PDB file of N, CA and C in Angstrom:
ATOM      1  N   MET A   1     -30.875 -20.371  -2.777  1.00  0.00           N
ATOM      2  CA  MET A   1     -29.673 -19.539  -2.656  1.00  0.00           C
ATOM      3  C   MET A   1     -28.411 -19.944  -1.630  1.00  0.00           C
ATOM      4  N   PRO A   2     -27.305 -20.272  -2.369  1.00  0.00           N
ATOM      5  CA  PRO A   2     -26.161 -20.675  -1.201  1.00  0.00           C
ATOM      6  C   PRO A   2     -25.539 -19.509  -0.163  1.00  0.00           C
ATOM      7  N   LYS A   3     -25.320 -19.885   0.962  1.00  0.00           N
ATOM      8  CA  LYS A   3     -24.805 -18.863   2.051  1.00  0.00           C
ATOM      9  C   LYS A   3     -23.496 -18.439   0.937  1.00  0.00           C
ATOM     10  N   LEU A   4     -23.808 -16.872   1.223  1.00  0.00           N
ATOM     11  CA  LEU A   4     -22.270 -15.803   0.647  1.00  0.00           C
ATOM     12  C   LEU A   4     -21.207 -16.119   1.580  1.00  0.00           C
ATOM     13  N   LYS A   5     -20.255 -16.578   0.853  1.00  0.00           N
ATOM     14  CA  LYS A   5     -18.918 -15.940   1.537  1.00  0.00           C
ATOM     15  C   LYS A   5     -18.399 -14.758   2.060  1.00  0.00           C
ATOM     16  N   THR A   6     -17.767 -14.432   3.313  1.00  0.00           N
ATOM     17  CA  THR A   6     -17.206 -13.111   3.361  1.00  0.00           C
ATOM     18  C   THR A   6     -15.634 -13.414   2.893  1.00  0.00           C
ATOM     19  N   LYS A   7     -15.876 -11.758   2.322  1.00  0.00           N
ATOM     20  CA  LYS A   7     -14.471 -11.867   1.402  1.00  0.00           C
ATOM     21  C   LYS A   7     -13.107 -11.126   3.032  1.00  0.00           C
ATOM     22  N   ARG A   8     -12.413 -11.861   2.990  1.00  0.00           N
ATOM     23  CA  ARG A   8     -11.385 -11.722   4.126  1.00  0.00           C
ATOM     24  C   ARG A   8     -11.017 -10.287   4.045  1.00  0.00           C
ATOM     25  N   SER A   9     -10.520  -9.717   3.089  1.00  0.00           N
ATOM     26  CA  SER A   9      -9.931  -8.523   3.297  1.00  0.00           C
ATOM     27  C   SER A   9     -11.005  -7.471   4.080  1.00  0.00           C
ATOM     28  N   ALA A  10     -12.137  -7.702   3.598  1.00  0.00           N
ATOM     29  CA  ALA A  10     -13.301  -6.479   4.518  1.00  0.00           C
ATOM     30  C   ALA A  10     -13.379  -7.277   5.898  1.00  0.00           C
ATOM     31  N   ALA A  11     -12.833  -8.518   5.831  1.00  0.00           N
ATOM     32  CA  ALA A  11     -13.068  -8.895   7.659  1.00  0.00           C
ATOM     33  C   ALA A  11     -12.419  -8.200   8.853  1.00  0.00           C
ATOM     34  N   LYS A  12     -11.534  -7.998   7.694  1.00  0.00           N
ATOM     35  CA  LYS A  12      -9.987  -7.442   8.582  1.00  0.00           C
ATOM     36  C   LYS A  12     -10.266  -5.865   8.254  1.00  0.00           C
ATOM     37  N   ARG A  13     -10.692  -5.248   8.213  1.00  0.00           N
ATOM     38  CA  ARG A  13     -10.830  -3.941   8.015  1.00  0.00           C
ATOM     39  C   ARG A  13     -12.114  -3.687   8.404  1.00  0.00           C
ATOM     40  N   PHE A  14     -12.903  -4.041   8.541  1.00  0.00           N
ATOM     41  CA  PHE A  14     -14.370  -3.694   9.303  1.00  0.00           C
ATOM     42  C   PHE A  14     -14.598  -4.767  10.851  1.00  0.00           C
ATOM     43  N   LYS A  15     -15.287  -3.948  11.757  1.00  0.00           N
ATOM     44  CA  LYS A  15     -16.039  -4.190  13.009  1.00  0.00           C
ATOM     45  C   LYS A  15     -17.583  -3.933  13.297  1.00  0.00           C
ATOM     46  N   ILE A  16     -18.014  -4.717  13.670  1.00  0.00           N
ATOM     47  CA  ILE A  16     -19.711  -4.549  13.917  1.00  0.00           C
ATOM     48  C   ILE A  16     -19.635  -4.468  15.093  1.00  0.00           C
ATOM     49  N   THR A  17     -20.207  -3.178  15.461  1.00  0.00           N
ATOM     50  CA  THR A  17     -20.828  -2.760  17.304  1.00  0.00           C
ATOM     51  C   THR A  17     -21.554  -3.450  17.846  1.00  0.00           C
ATOM     52  N   GLY A  18     -22.186  -3.441  18.417  1.00  0.00           N
ATOM     53  CA  GLY A  18     -23.103  -4.491  19.216  1.00  0.00           C
ATOM     54  C   GLY A  18     -24.478  -3.655  18.927  1.00  0.00           C
ATOM     55  N   SER A  19     -24.718  -2.552  17.916  1.00  0.00           N
ATOM     56  CA  SER A  19     -25.608  -2.135  18.096  1.00  0.00           C
ATOM     57  C   SER A  19     -25.827  -2.253  16.301  1.00  0.00           C
ATOM     58  N   GLY A  20     -24.793  -2.983  15.868  1.00  0.00           N
ATOM     59  CA  GLY A  20     -25.261  -3.618  14.651  1.00  0.00           C
ATOM     60  C   GLY A  20     -24.535  -2.093  13.416  1.00  0.00           C
ATOM     61  N   LYS A  21     -23.591  -0.913  13.817  1.00  0.00           N
ATOM     62  CA  LYS A  21     -23.166  -0.390  13.187  1.00  0.00           C
ATOM     63  C   LYS A  21     -21.589  -0.799  12.462  1.00  0.00           C
ATOM     64  N   ILE A  22     -21.112  -0.229  11.170  1.00  0.00           N
ATOM     65  CA  ILE A  22     -20.004  -0.403  11.187  1.00  0.00           C
ATOM     66  C   ILE A  22     -18.354   0.156  11.468  1.00  0.00           C
ATOM     67  N   MET A  23     -17.788  -0.286  11.838  1.00  0.00           N
ATOM     68  CA  MET A  23     -17.075   0.830  12.312  1.00  0.00           C
ATOM     69  C   MET A  23     -15.505   0.462  11.300  1.00  0.00           C
ATOM     70  N   ARG A  24     -14.809   1.620  10.782  1.00  0.00           N
ATOM     71  CA  ARG A  24     -13.407   1.783  10.205  1.00  0.00           C
ATOM     72  C   ARG A  24     -12.205   2.398  10.677  1.00  0.00           C
ATOM     73  N   ARG A  25     -11.782   2.130  10.028  1.00  0.00           N
ATOM     74  CA  ARG A  25      -9.585   3.043  10.476  1.00  0.00           C
ATOM     75  C   ARG A  25      -9.831   4.184   9.276  1.00  0.00           C
ATOM     76  N   LYS A  26      -8.974   4.919  10.417  1.00  0.00           N
ATOM     77  CA  LYS A  26      -9.107   6.013   9.792  1.00  0.00           C
ATOM     78  C   LYS A  26      -7.862   5.912   8.480  1.00  0.00           C
ATOM     79  N   ALA A  27      -7.812   6.403   7.526  1.00  0.00           N
ATOM     80  CA  ALA A  27      -6.842   6.983   5.896  1.00  0.00           C
ATOM     81  C   ALA A  27      -5.628   7.304   6.654  1.00  0.00           C
ATOM     82  N   TYR A  28      -4.778   7.991   5.952  1.00  0.00           N
ATOM     83  CA  TYR A  28      -3.543   8.317   6.086  1.00  0.00           C
ATOM     84  C   TYR A  28      -2.636   8.658   7.475  1.00  0.00           C
ATOM     85  N   LYS A  29      -2.282   7.060   7.803  1.00  0.00           N
ATOM     86  CA  LYS A  29      -2.029   7.118   9.246  1.00  0.00           C
ATOM     87  C   LYS A  29      -0.472   6.426   8.943  1.00  0.00           C
ATOM     88  N   SER A  30      -0.008   5.832   7.924  1.00  0.00           N
ATOM     89  CA  SER A  30       0.538   5.047   7.868  1.00  0.00           C
ATOM     90  C   SER A  30       1.794   5.126   7.146  1.00  0.00           C
ATOM     91  N   HIS A  31       2.117   6.018   6.548  1.00  0.00           N
ATOM     92  CA  HIS A  31       3.727   6.857   6.255  1.00  0.00           C
ATOM     93  C   HIS A  31       3.814   8.016   6.156  1.00  0.00           C
ATOM     94  N   ILE A  32       4.743   8.863   6.139  1.00  0.00           N
ATOM     95  CA  ILE A  32       5.024  10.221   6.243  1.00  0.00           C
ATOM     96  C   ILE A  32       4.528  11.196   7.650  1.00  0.00           C
ATOM     97  N   LEU A  33       4.694  11.244   8.515  1.00  0.00           N
ATOM     98  CA  LEU A  33       4.202  11.197   9.971  1.00  0.00           C
ATOM     99  C   LEU A  33       4.992  12.415  10.346  1.00  0.00           C
ATOM    100  N   THR A  34       5.919  12.743   9.455  1.00  0.00           N
ATOM    101  CA  THR A  34       6.573  14.052  10.401  1.00  0.00           C
ATOM    102  C   THR A  34       6.314  15.306   9.994  1.00  0.00           C
ATOM    103  N   LYS A  35       5.311  15.170   9.448  1.00  0.00           N
ATOM    104  CA  LYS A  35       4.637  16.510   8.509  1.00  0.00           C
ATOM    105  C   LYS A  35       3.126  16.612   9.257  1.00  0.00           C
ATOM    106  N   LYS A  36       2.824  15.734   9.651  1.00  0.00           N
ATOM    107  CA  LYS A  36       1.214  15.840  10.367  1.00  0.00           C
ATOM    108  C   LYS A  36       1.758  16.211  12.097  1.00  0.00           C
ATOM    109  N   SER A  37       0.673  17.273  12.201  1.00  0.00           N
ATOM    110  CA  SER A  37       0.428  17.514  13.527  1.00  0.00           C
ATOM    111  C   SER A  37       0.214  16.351  14.601  1.00  0.00           C
ATOM    112  N   ARG A  38       0.753  16.561  15.551  1.00  0.00           N
ATOM    113  CA  ARG A  38      -0.003  15.714  16.887  1.00  0.00           C
ATOM    114  C   ARG A  38      -0.948  14.996  16.929  1.00  0.00           C
ATOM    115  N   LYS A  39      -1.823  15.979  16.975  1.00  0.00           N
ATOM    116  CA  LYS A  39      -3.172  16.107  16.968  1.00  0.00           C
ATOM    117  C   LYS A  39      -3.509  15.349  15.851  1.00  0.00           C
ATOM    118  N   ARG A  40      -3.607  15.572  15.022  1.00  0.00           N
ATOM    119  CA  ARG A  40      -3.984  15.237  13.876  1.00  0.00           C
ATOM    120  C   ARG A  40      -3.600  13.706  14.062  1.00  0.00           C
ATOM    121  N   LYS A  41      -2.076  13.879  14.464  1.00  0.00           N
ATOM    122  CA  LYS A  41      -1.706  11.844  14.360  1.00  0.00           C
ATOM    123  C   LYS A  41      -3.107  11.272  15.460  1.00  0.00           C
ATOM    124  N   ARG A  42      -3.079  11.841  16.073  1.00  0.00           N
ATOM    125  CA  ARG A  42      -3.918  11.255  17.328  1.00  0.00           C
ATOM    126  C   ARG A  42      -5.587  11.152  17.169  1.00  0.00           C
ATOM    127  N   ASN A  43      -6.110  11.991  16.173  1.00  0.00           N
ATOM    128  CA  ASN A  43      -7.683  12.201  15.779  1.00  0.00           C
ATOM    129  C   ASN A  43      -7.263  10.425  14.448  1.00  0.00           C
ATOM    130  N   LEU A  44      -6.321  10.529  14.352  1.00  0.00           N
ATOM    131  CA  LEU A  44      -6.334   9.134  13.117  1.00  0.00           C
ATOM    132  C   LEU A  44      -6.293   7.992  13.650  1.00  0.00           C
ATOM    133  N   ARG A  45      -5.590   7.911  15.617  1.00  0.00           N
ATOM    134  CA  ARG A  45      -5.984   6.563  15.607  1.00  0.00           C
ATOM    135  C   ARG A  45      -7.693   6.403  16.152  1.00  0.00           C
ATOM    136  N   LYS A  46      -8.347   6.826  16.244  1.00  0.00           N
ATOM    137  CA  LYS A  46      -9.437   6.680  16.604  1.00  0.00           C
ATOM    138  C   LYS A  46     -10.755   5.828  15.549  1.00  0.00           C
ATOM    139  N   PRO A  47     -11.218   4.716  15.632  1.00  0.00           N
ATOM    140  CA  PRO A  47     -11.846   4.391  14.376  1.00  0.00           C
ATOM    141  C   PRO A  47     -12.958   5.107  14.326  1.00  0.00           C
ATOM    142  N   THR A  48     -13.593   5.170  13.601  1.00  0.00           N
ATOM    143  CA  THR A  48     -15.115   6.016  13.057  1.00  0.00           C
ATOM    144  C   THR A  48     -16.475   4.552  12.414  1.00  0.00           C
ATOM    145  N   LEU A  49     -17.881   5.387  11.888  1.00  0.00           N
ATOM    146  CA  LEU A  49     -18.096   5.063  11.519  1.00  0.00           C
ATOM    147  C   LEU A  49     -17.853   5.010   9.992  1.00  0.00           C
ATOM    148  N   VAL A  50     -18.926   4.024   9.644  1.00  0.00           N
ATOM    149  CA  VAL A  50     -18.689   4.032   7.989  1.00  0.00           C
ATOM    150  C   VAL A  50     -19.898   5.128   7.066  1.00  0.00           C
ATOM    151  N   PHE A  51     -19.563   5.407   6.427  1.00  0.00           N
ATOM    152  CA  PHE A  51     -20.520   6.719   5.547  1.00  0.00           C
ATOM    153  C   PHE A  51     -21.630   6.059   5.525  1.00  0.00           C
ATOM    154  N   LYS A  52     -23.019   6.125   5.581  1.00  0.00           N
ATOM    155  CA  LYS A  52     -24.503   5.516   5.894  1.00  0.00           C
ATOM    156  C   LYS A  52     -24.821   5.164   4.076  1.00  0.00           C
ATOM    157  N   GLY A  53     -24.222   5.542   3.466  1.00  0.00           N
ATOM    158  CA  GLY A  53     -24.148   5.374   1.582  1.00  0.00           C
ATOM    159  C   GLY A  53     -23.095   4.131   1.073  1.00  0.00           C
ATOM    160  N   GLU A  54     -22.353   3.874   1.867  1.00  0.00           N
ATOM    161  CA  GLU A  54     -21.227   2.593   1.489  1.00  0.00           C
ATOM    162  C   GLU A  54     -21.758   1.310   2.627  1.00  0.00           C
ATOM    163  N   ILE A  55     -22.867   1.417   3.657  1.00  0.00           N
ATOM    164  CA  ILE A  55     -22.623   0.521   4.409  1.00  0.00           C
ATOM    165  C   ILE A  55     -23.917  -0.781   4.124  1.00  0.00           C
ATOM    166  N   ARG A  56     -24.368  -0.647   2.887  1.00  0.00           N
ATOM    167  CA  ARG A  56     -25.325  -1.747   1.840  1.00  0.00           C
ATOM    168  C   ARG A  56     -24.250  -2.332   1.397  1.00  0.00           C
ATOM    169  N   ASN A  57     -23.036  -1.915   0.534  1.00  0.00           N
ATOM    170  CA  ASN A  57     -21.679  -2.752  -0.030  1.00  0.00           C
ATOM    171  C   ASN A  57     -21.265  -3.422   0.671  1.00  0.00           C
ATOM    172  N   ILE A  58     -20.770  -2.720   1.889  1.00  0.00           N
ATOM    173  CA  ILE A  58     -19.701  -3.485   2.833  1.00  0.00           C
ATOM    174  C   ILE A  58     -20.405  -4.457   3.720  1.00  0.00           C
ATOM    175  N   ARG A  59     -21.666  -4.434   3.872  1.00  0.00           N
ATOM    176  CA  ARG A  59     -22.576  -5.668   4.489  1.00  0.00           C
ATOM    177  C   ARG A  59     -22.624  -6.932   3.704  1.00  0.00           C
ATOM    178  N   ARG A  60     -23.084  -6.486   2.442  1.00  0.00           N
ATOM    179  CA  ARG A  60     -22.627  -7.783   1.607  1.00  0.00           C
ATOM    180  C   ARG A  60     -21.712  -8.099   1.613  1.00  0.00           C
ATOM    181  N   LEU A  61     -20.161  -7.274   1.358  1.00  0.00           N
ATOM    182  CA  LEU A  61     -19.092  -8.047   1.655  1.00  0.00           C
ATOM    183  C   LEU A  61     -18.201  -9.041   2.563  1.00  0.00           C
ATOM    184  N   LEU A  62     -19.166  -8.348   3.434  1.00  0.00           N
ATOM    185  CA  LEU A  62     -18.891  -9.074   4.439  1.00  0.00           C
ATOM    186  C   LEU A  62     -19.721 -10.338   5.447  1.00  0.00           C
ATOM    187  N   GLY A  63     -20.931 -10.683   3.921  1.00  0.00           N
ATOM    188  CA  GLY A  63     -21.969 -11.526   3.940  1.00  0.00           C
ATOM    189  C   GLY A  63     -22.795 -11.779   4.921  1.00  0.00           C
ATOM    190  N   ILE A  64     -23.321 -10.535   5.254  1.00  0.00           N
ATOM    191  CA  ILE A  64     -24.467  -9.805   6.230  1.00  0.00           C
ATOM    192  C   ILE A  64     -25.637 -10.143   5.636  1.00  0.00           C
TER     193      ILE A  64
END
């Protein structure tokens, strides 16, 4: 079976940590920021881990 190609769109959105977990950026940070509180916008900056039910699909997209 040939090697899987990485989906480039997925590669730009996800990063793999040293321990093998997958990090993602949070949504709702691109526009209409005036009505969102400082605290909410600050928390949206931080990357977070991918939900465990989606890890298998994302690993397949990344060609891992």
